[in-house]
Amino acid sequence: MRTLADRRLLGAHRRWGPFGLVAPLVWVIFLVFPLANAIGHDAPPLARSLSIAAAALFVLAFIGLVVAFRSGWGADRGRVMLALYVLLVAISVVLTIADRPGWAFLFTYCAAGTTLLASASLTFPGVAACTLLAGLTSALGGAKAGATIGFVVSTAGIGLLMLLMRDLRLRNEELSAARAELARLAVSQERERFARDLHDLLGHTLSVIALKADLASRLIAPRPADAEREIDEVQRVARQALGEVREAVSGYRRPTLESELEGARVALAAAGIHADVQTTPLTTDPAVEAALAWAVREGATNVIRHSRASRCVLRVGASASAALVEVVDDGVGGRGGATRSAPATETAGHGLAGLAERLELVDGRVEAGARPEGGYRLAVSVPMTAA
């Protein structure tokens, strides 16, 4: 019975498709030489014909064994492979003893076939058995001591090489499976952590909101002043919950200005656009830095996707009270028409609309539009301290 590791290896081989057949079937080319010798061998016609037929049958059986291993033939695949392997060994024994000892080299194919047929615990004994048969049959066939040793060494060498390749492929498959499992577990754990965070943040708050809203609905008619007070409290709690959720979510995807500037420089260079990055050291709140980083990302993305520019200037600086980002290119311009400003509903394009929405959270503003002298300009300003 095959182990789980063996089944994984077989599954990996079958996924390789027809190209996975090339490497093992290349070995068949080396059978051309003994076949040519058999055809040209000075022997009775019947004996020569039988040798040629046996060698051709060996080639077909070996090809069938490899194809069955790589592609699979349903529930009968194991029995088919075993039958083909037995046929390979039988032909090797008969040809080596009855025809010529030089046919003992066929046991190298039998040793390689053992690594395809047997489970991990049986591959080494199988290779050892093929090596022993190569020595015994070549000796019985009349081979000299040196030739017999050569057949033994070549069979053992090929068999051990195939064992090593089998083990490497198995380890690679297990490593790939382990990496996929680790990635799946990491995603699952992150989802669970996010769910716990949201539950901790919103569970109590939403319960309070629901209770106070219900109470306010019952107080509207008899006690409107109390109802108004409860509604105000609902609004306060809702704003607090919204802020907590924004803080939690931003912790998952908050970029840094340094990383976005470097990423923009690399991306622009990859697009064949010269990037002139001009920065002034800033000390800002994390929320402000994140807003500026999103502006750099959006500006660089628009330049790469739409501008057909050859040069882009990225400026990061500050005025007396605000942090500034400006992205200017020498491209076709006109992507937003006239200059536009936040709020988001006034900003063209999904990317700029999303950027404007982010900036609204920190009281920032965005201006975007074609320049009279050509090209396009995106300018963002954010108060140095987030509201």
Protein backbone atom coordinates (compact mmCIF):
# COMPACT_ATOMS: atom_id res chain seq x y z
CA MET A 1 0.00 0.00 0.00
CA ARG A 2 1.33 3.41 -0.93
CA THR A 3 1.91 6.03 1.71
CA LEU A 4 0.44 9.52 1.57
CA ALA A 5 3.81 10.83 0.41
CA ASP A 6 3.86 8.28 -2.43
CA ARG A 7 0.37 9.31 -3.53
CA ARG A 8 1.37 12.97 -3.48
CA LEU A 9 4.39 12.17 -5.65
CA LEU A 10 2.28 10.26 -8.14
CA GLY A 11 -0.24 13.08 -8.24
CA ALA A 12 2.53 15.62 -8.86
CA HIS A 13 3.95 13.54 -11.72
CA ARG A 14 0.55 13.20 -13.35
CA ARG A 15 0.04 16.97 -13.22
CA TRP A 16 3.20 17.49 -15.27
CA GLY A 17 1.30 16.44 -18.42
CA PRO A 18 2.95 15.27 -21.65
CA PHE A 19 6.17 17.22 -21.05
CA GLY A 20 6.79 15.06 -17.98
CA LEU A 21 7.15 12.06 -20.29
CA VAL A 22 10.09 13.48 -22.20
CA ALA A 23 12.88 12.87 -19.65
CA PRO A 24 12.26 9.14 -18.98
CA LEU A 25 11.41 8.34 -22.58
CA VAL A 26 14.71 9.83 -23.74
CA TRP A 27 16.26 6.69 -22.29
CA VAL A 28 14.54 4.66 -24.98
CA ILE A 29 16.90 6.21 -27.53
CA PHE A 30 19.76 4.20 -26.05
CA LEU A 31 17.92 0.99 -26.96
CA VAL A 32 18.54 1.80 -30.61
CA PHE A 33 22.14 0.60 -30.36
CA PRO A 34 21.49 -2.95 -29.09
CA LEU A 35 18.59 -3.21 -31.49
CA ALA A 36 20.94 -2.31 -34.32
CA ASN A 37 23.42 -4.89 -33.03
CA ALA A 38 20.66 -7.48 -32.86
CA ILE A 39 19.62 -6.74 -36.40
CA GLY A 40 23.20 -6.94 -37.66
CA HIS A 41 24.23 -9.86 -35.44
CA ASP A 42 25.44 -12.96 -37.25
CA ALA A 43 22.93 -15.49 -35.94
CA PRO A 44 20.33 -17.83 -37.36
CA PRO A 45 17.37 -15.92 -38.81
CA LEU A 46 14.93 -17.31 -36.24
CA ALA A 47 17.13 -16.44 -33.27
CA ARG A 48 17.80 -12.97 -34.62
CA SER A 49 14.11 -12.38 -35.29
CA LEU A 50 13.21 -13.46 -31.76
CA SER A 51 15.86 -11.17 -30.27
CA ILE A 52 14.62 -8.22 -32.27
CA ALA A 53 11.01 -8.94 -31.31
CA ALA A 54 11.91 -9.30 -27.63
CA ALA A 55 13.87 -6.03 -27.66
CA ALA A 56 10.99 -4.22 -29.39
CA LEU A 57 8.55 -5.65 -26.81
CA PHE A 58 10.85 -4.41 -24.04
CA VAL A 59 10.76 -0.88 -25.50
CA LEU A 60 6.96 -0.93 -25.71
CA ALA A 61 6.64 -2.27 -22.17
CA PHE A 62 8.97 0.40 -20.78
CA ILE A 63 7.06 3.16 -22.59
CA GLY A 64 3.79 1.74 -21.28
CA LEU A 65 5.14 1.66 -17.72
CA VAL A 66 6.20 5.31 -17.86
CA VAL A 67 2.94 6.45 -19.48
CA ALA A 68 0.89 4.56 -16.89
CA PHE A 69 2.88 6.10 -14.05
CA ARG A 70 2.63 9.64 -15.39
CA SER A 71 -0.98 9.70 -16.54
CA GLY A 72 -2.78 6.94 -14.64
CA TRP A 73 -5.17 4.38 -16.13
CA GLY A 74 -7.90 4.27 -13.53
CA ALA A 75 -8.33 1.54 -10.93
CA ASP A 76 -6.35 -1.02 -12.95
CA ARG A 77 -3.24 1.14 -13.21
CA GLY A 78 -1.39 -0.69 -10.42
CA ARG A 79 -1.98 -4.12 -11.94
CA VAL A 80 -1.03 -2.88 -15.41
CA MET A 81 2.21 -1.38 -14.12
CA LEU A 82 3.10 -4.56 -12.22
CA ALA A 83 2.47 -6.70 -15.30
CA LEU A 84 4.61 -4.45 -17.47
CA TYR A 85 7.41 -4.47 -14.90
CA VAL A 86 7.39 -8.26 -14.66
CA LEU A 87 7.55 -8.39 -18.45
CA LEU A 88 10.59 -6.07 -18.46
CA VAL A 89 12.45 -8.27 -15.98
CA ALA A 90 11.52 -11.47 -17.81
CA ILE A 91 12.70 -10.16 -21.18
CA SER A 92 15.96 -8.95 -19.63
CA VAL A 93 16.64 -12.35 -18.05
CA VAL A 94 15.79 -14.32 -21.19
CA LEU A 95 17.78 -12.14 -23.59
CA THR A 96 20.83 -12.00 -21.33
CA ILE A 97 21.01 -15.75 -20.74
CA ALA A 98 19.69 -17.12 -24.03
CA ASP A 99 21.01 -14.61 -26.55
CA ARG A 100 23.98 -12.53 -25.40
CA PRO A 101 25.26 -11.32 -22.01
CA GLY A 102 25.41 -7.78 -23.37
CA TRP A 103 21.65 -7.55 -22.91
CA ALA A 104 22.27 -7.30 -19.16
CA PHE A 105 22.31 -3.54 -19.55
CA LEU A 106 18.48 -3.79 -19.76
CA PHE A 107 18.46 -4.27 -16.00
CA THR A 108 19.27 -0.57 -15.65
CA TYR A 109 15.79 0.10 -17.04
CA CYS A 110 14.33 -2.44 -14.66
CA ALA A 111 16.04 -0.69 -11.74
CA ALA A 112 14.61 2.66 -12.89
CA GLY A 113 11.18 1.05 -13.26
CA THR A 114 11.37 -0.17 -9.66
CA THR A 115 11.35 3.44 -8.42
CA LEU A 116 8.17 4.03 -10.42
CA LEU A 117 6.41 0.89 -9.29
CA ALA A 118 7.30 0.30 -5.66
CA SER A 119 6.45 2.27 -2.54
CA ALA A 120 9.19 4.14 -0.69
CA SER A 121 9.97 1.19 1.59
CA LEU A 122 10.50 -1.22 -1.35
CA THR A 123 12.45 0.86 -3.83
CA PHE A 124 15.91 0.13 -2.45
CA PRO A 125 15.34 -3.66 -2.17
CA GLY A 126 13.96 -3.57 -5.73
CA VAL A 127 17.04 -1.82 -7.05
CA ALA A 128 19.25 -4.27 -5.16
CA ALA A 129 17.36 -7.21 -6.69
CA CYS A 130 17.80 -5.82 -10.21
CA THR A 131 21.51 -5.32 -9.55
CA LEU A 132 21.84 -8.92 -8.37
CA LEU A 133 19.98 -10.22 -11.44
CA ALA A 134 22.24 -8.21 -13.73
CA GLY A 135 25.31 -9.84 -12.22
CA LEU A 136 23.90 -13.38 -12.15
CA THR A 137 22.38 -13.42 -15.64
CA SER A 138 25.39 -11.84 -17.31
CA ALA A 139 27.65 -14.37 -15.63
CA LEU A 140 25.37 -17.24 -16.71
CA GLY A 141 25.30 -15.80 -20.23
CA GLY A 142 29.07 -16.05 -20.44
CA ALA A 143 30.17 -12.48 -19.77
CA LYS A 144 33.71 -11.87 -18.56
CA ALA A 145 34.30 -10.72 -14.99
CA GLY A 146 34.98 -7.14 -16.02
CA ALA A 147 31.80 -6.94 -18.09
CA THR A 148 29.75 -8.48 -15.28
CA ILE A 149 31.08 -5.91 -12.81
CA GLY A 150 30.26 -3.18 -15.31
CA PHE A 151 26.64 -4.34 -15.59
CA VAL A 152 26.33 -4.53 -11.81
CA VAL A 153 27.79 -1.07 -11.29
CA SER A 154 25.70 0.57 -14.02
CA THR A 155 22.48 -1.02 -12.77
CA ALA A 156 23.18 -0.02 -9.18
CA GLY A 157 24.23 3.48 -10.23
CA ILE A 158 21.16 4.15 -12.35
CA GLY A 159 18.89 2.68 -9.70
CA LEU A 160 20.38 4.81 -6.91
CA LEU A 161 20.24 7.90 -9.11
CA MET A 162 16.55 7.31 -9.73
CA LEU A 163 16.04 6.79 -6.01
CA LEU A 164 17.67 10.15 -5.34
CA MET A 165 15.56 11.89 -7.98
CA ARG A 166 12.42 10.28 -6.59
CA ASP A 167 13.28 11.44 -3.10
CA LEU A 168 14.00 15.00 -4.29
CA ARG A 169 10.72 15.21 -6.14
CA LEU A 170 8.87 13.87 -3.15
CA ARG A 171 10.50 16.42 -0.84
CA ASN A 172 9.70 19.25 -3.26
CA GLU A 173 6.08 18.17 -3.40
CA GLU A 174 5.87 17.98 0.39
CA LEU A 175 7.50 21.41 0.68
CA SER A 176 5.03 22.93 -1.76
CA ALA A 177 2.14 21.37 0.12
CA ALA A 178 3.51 22.65 3.43
CA ARG A 179 3.88 26.17 2.05
CA ALA A 180 0.33 26.13 0.73
CA GLU A 181 -0.96 24.91 4.09
CA LEU A 182 1.00 27.59 5.96
CA ALA A 183 -0.42 30.27 3.67
CA ARG A 184 -3.94 28.95 4.20
CA LEU A 185 -3.47 28.88 7.96
CA ALA A 186 -2.05 32.40 7.95
CA VAL A 187 -5.07 33.71 6.07
CA SER A 188 -7.42 31.82 8.36
CA GLN A 189 -5.71 33.14 11.47
CA GLU A 190 -5.78 36.71 10.16
CA ARG A 191 -9.48 36.43 9.42
CA GLU A 192 -10.13 35.09 12.89
CA ARG A 193 -8.11 37.91 14.44
CA PHE A 194 -9.94 40.52 12.37
CA ALA A 195 -13.28 38.99 13.33
CA ARG A 196 -12.31 39.05 17.01
CA ASP A 197 -11.17 42.66 16.77
CA LEU A 198 -14.41 43.74 15.12
CA HIS A 199 -16.42 41.80 17.66
CA ASP A 200 -14.54 43.38 20.54
CA LEU A 201 -14.91 46.84 19.03
CA LEU A 202 -18.53 46.67 17.92
CA GLY A 203 -20.23 44.04 20.06
CA HIS A 204 -20.78 46.23 23.09
CA THR A 205 -21.19 49.49 21.14
CA LEU A 206 -23.87 48.17 18.80
CA SER A 207 -25.76 46.70 21.73
CA VAL A 208 -25.76 50.13 23.42
CA ILE A 209 -26.91 51.79 20.20
CA ALA A 210 -29.76 49.32 19.78
CA LEU A 211 -30.93 49.74 23.36
CA LYS A 212 -30.79 53.54 23.29
CA ALA A 213 -32.52 53.73 19.91
CA ASP A 214 -35.31 51.53 21.24
CA LEU A 215 -35.59 53.68 24.35
CA ALA A 216 -35.66 56.88 22.30
CA SER A 217 -38.46 55.54 20.11
CA ARG A 218 -40.55 54.90 23.21
CA LEU A 219 -39.83 58.35 24.68
CA ILE A 220 -40.55 60.47 21.60
CA ALA A 221 -44.25 60.99 22.36
CA PRO A 222 -44.44 61.17 26.18
CA ARG A 223 -41.00 62.70 26.87
CA PRO A 224 -39.49 64.34 23.78
CA ALA A 225 -36.66 66.01 25.70
CA ASP A 226 -35.45 62.68 27.07
CA ALA A 227 -35.82 61.09 23.64
CA GLU A 228 -33.68 63.85 22.11
CA ARG A 229 -31.02 63.24 24.74
CA GLU A 230 -30.99 59.51 23.99
CA ILE A 231 -30.73 60.17 20.26
CA ASP A 232 -27.76 62.45 20.85
CA GLU A 233 -26.17 59.69 22.87
CA VAL A 234 -26.77 57.21 20.03
CA GLN A 235 -25.04 59.59 17.62
CA ARG A 236 -22.08 59.98 19.96
CA VAL A 237 -21.69 56.23 20.43
CA ALA A 238 -22.05 55.63 16.68
CA ARG A 239 -19.30 58.16 15.90
CA GLN A 240 -17.08 56.53 18.49
CA ALA A 241 -17.69 53.10 16.96
CA LEU A 242 -16.96 54.44 13.47
CA GLY A 243 -13.67 55.90 14.65
CA GLU A 244 -12.69 52.64 16.32
CA VAL A 245 -13.46 50.65 13.18
CA ARG A 246 -11.49 53.07 11.01
CA GLU A 247 -8.56 52.81 13.37
CA ALA A 248 -8.71 49.01 13.37
CA VAL A 249 -9.01 48.72 9.60
CA SER A 250 -6.31 51.28 8.87
CA GLY A 251 -3.91 49.22 10.95
CA TYR A 252 -4.23 46.45 8.36
CA ARG A 253 -3.44 48.53 5.29
CA ARG A 254 -1.79 51.77 6.38
CA PRO A 255 1.11 52.54 4.02
CA THR A 256 4.18 54.62 4.81
CA LEU A 257 5.34 57.62 2.80
CA GLU A 258 8.86 56.28 2.41
CA SER A 259 7.73 52.92 1.06
CA GLU A 260 5.26 54.50 -1.37
CA LEU A 261 7.83 56.95 -2.71
CA GLU A 262 10.27 54.10 -3.31
CA GLY A 263 7.55 52.00 -4.87
CA ALA A 264 6.50 54.88 -7.14
CA ARG A 265 10.11 55.44 -8.22
CA VAL A 266 10.53 51.77 -9.13
CA ALA A 267 7.16 51.54 -10.89
CA LEU A 268 7.73 54.70 -12.94
CA ALA A 269 11.19 53.54 -13.94
CA ALA A 270 9.76 50.18 -15.01
CA ALA A 271 7.25 52.06 -17.19
CA GLY A 272 10.06 54.05 -18.82
CA ILE A 273 9.15 57.31 -17.06
CA HIS A 274 11.90 59.37 -15.44
CA ALA A 275 10.94 60.07 -11.84
CA ASP A 276 12.21 63.22 -10.13
CA VAL A 277 11.45 62.73 -6.42
CA GLN A 278 11.80 65.88 -4.30
CA THR A 279 11.17 65.40 -0.59
CA THR A 280 11.40 67.44 2.59
CA PRO A 281 11.62 65.59 5.93
CA LEU A 282 8.22 65.60 7.66
CA THR A 283 7.07 64.74 11.16
CA THR A 284 3.35 64.02 11.04
CA ASP A 285 0.68 61.88 12.61
CA PRO A 286 0.49 58.31 11.24
CA ALA A 287 -2.94 59.08 9.77
CA VAL A 288 -1.55 62.10 7.90
CA GLU A 289 1.42 60.11 6.62
CA ALA A 290 -0.93 57.39 5.41
CA ALA A 291 -3.04 59.93 3.52
CA LEU A 292 0.05 61.37 1.85
CA ALA A 293 1.27 57.86 0.99
CA TRP A 294 -2.07 57.03 -0.66
CA ALA A 295 -1.78 60.27 -2.66
CA VAL A 296 1.69 59.29 -3.91
CA ARG A 297 0.42 55.84 -4.90
CA GLU A 298 -2.65 57.17 -6.72
CA GLY A 299 -0.68 59.87 -8.50
CA ALA A 300 2.02 57.48 -9.70
CA THR A 301 -0.58 54.94 -10.78
CA ASN A 302 -2.44 57.52 -12.88
CA VAL A 303 0.78 58.66 -14.53
CA ILE A 304 1.72 55.10 -15.44
CA ARG A 305 -1.73 54.10 -16.70
CA HIS A 306 -2.97 57.19 -18.50
CA SER A 307 -0.40 59.91 -19.12
CA ARG A 308 1.96 58.50 -21.74
CA ALA A 309 4.49 60.81 -20.08
CA SER A 310 8.27 60.68 -20.25
CA ARG A 311 8.91 62.57 -17.01
CA CYS A 312 7.17 62.84 -13.67
CA VAL A 313 7.92 65.02 -10.65
CA LEU A 314 6.94 63.86 -7.16
CA ARG A 315 7.15 66.59 -4.53
CA VAL A 316 6.60 66.06 -0.82
CA GLY A 317 6.88 69.07 1.47
CA ALA A 318 5.08 71.25 3.96
CA SER A 319 3.70 74.73 4.38
CA ALA A 320 3.15 76.50 7.69
CA SER A 321 0.22 74.28 8.65
CA ALA A 322 -0.16 71.52 6.07
CA ALA A 323 1.74 68.65 4.51
CA LEU A 324 1.78 68.68 0.73
CA VAL A 325 2.13 66.15 -2.09
CA GLU A 326 2.28 67.14 -5.73
CA VAL A 327 2.53 64.80 -8.73
CA VAL A 328 3.17 66.49 -12.08
CA ASP A 329 3.80 64.85 -15.45
CA ASP A 330 4.45 65.99 -19.02
CA GLY A 331 1.95 63.62 -20.57
CA VAL A 332 -1.19 64.10 -22.62
CA GLY A 333 -3.18 65.71 -19.74
CA GLY A 334 -6.90 66.37 -19.92
CA ARG A 335 -7.86 63.31 -17.93
CA GLY A 336 -10.01 65.21 -15.51
CA GLY A 337 -10.87 68.29 -17.49
CA ALA A 338 -10.78 71.39 -15.34
CA THR A 339 -9.15 71.34 -11.95
CA ARG A 340 -11.29 69.62 -9.35
CA SER A 341 -11.26 69.57 -5.60
CA ALA A 342 -12.60 67.38 -2.83
CA PRO A 343 -15.19 66.31 -1.76
CA ALA A 344 -15.17 62.96 -3.46
CA THR A 345 -18.45 63.46 -5.28
CA GLU A 346 -16.81 66.23 -7.29
CA THR A 347 -13.70 64.27 -8.23
CA ALA A 348 -13.53 62.36 -11.49
CA GLY A 349 -12.43 58.74 -11.55
CA HIS A 350 -12.81 55.96 -9.01
CA GLY A 351 -9.19 56.24 -7.87
CA LEU A 352 -9.33 59.97 -7.25
CA ALA A 353 -12.76 59.62 -5.64
CA GLY A 354 -11.36 57.06 -3.24
CA LEU A 355 -8.37 59.29 -2.53
CA ALA A 356 -10.67 62.23 -1.82
CA GLU A 357 -12.68 60.09 0.59
CA ARG A 358 -9.51 59.19 2.46
CA LEU A 359 -8.44 62.80 2.64
CA GLU A 360 -11.79 63.87 4.02
CA LEU A 361 -11.11 61.72 7.06
CA VAL A 362 -8.10 63.93 7.91
CA ASP A 363 -9.57 67.22 6.61
CA GLY A 364 -7.39 67.09 3.54
CA ARG A 365 -8.01 68.39 0.04
CA VAL A 366 -7.14 67.16 -3.43
CA GLU A 367 -6.86 69.08 -6.69
CA ALA A 368 -6.43 67.31 -10.00
CA GLY A 369 -6.55 68.43 -13.59
CA ALA A 370 -4.74 69.22 -16.81
CA ARG A 371 -2.13 72.00 -16.77
CA PRO A 372 -2.36 74.87 -19.28
CA GLU A 373 1.23 74.25 -20.35
CA GLY A 374 0.55 70.56 -20.85
CA GLY A 375 0.61 67.47 -18.71
CA TYR A 376 -1.36 66.74 -15.58
CA ARG A 377 -1.14 67.79 -11.93
CA LEU A 378 -2.36 66.12 -8.75
CA ALA A 379 -1.96 68.18 -5.57
CA VAL A 380 -2.87 67.08 -2.04
CA SER A 381 -2.75 69.07 1.18
CA VAL A 382 -3.35 67.66 4.65
CA PRO A 383 -3.20 69.49 8.02
CA MET A 384 -0.08 68.47 9.89
CA THR A 385 -2.16 67.05 12.74
CA ALA A 386 -5.10 64.82 11.93
CA ALA A 387 -8.47 65.89 13.26
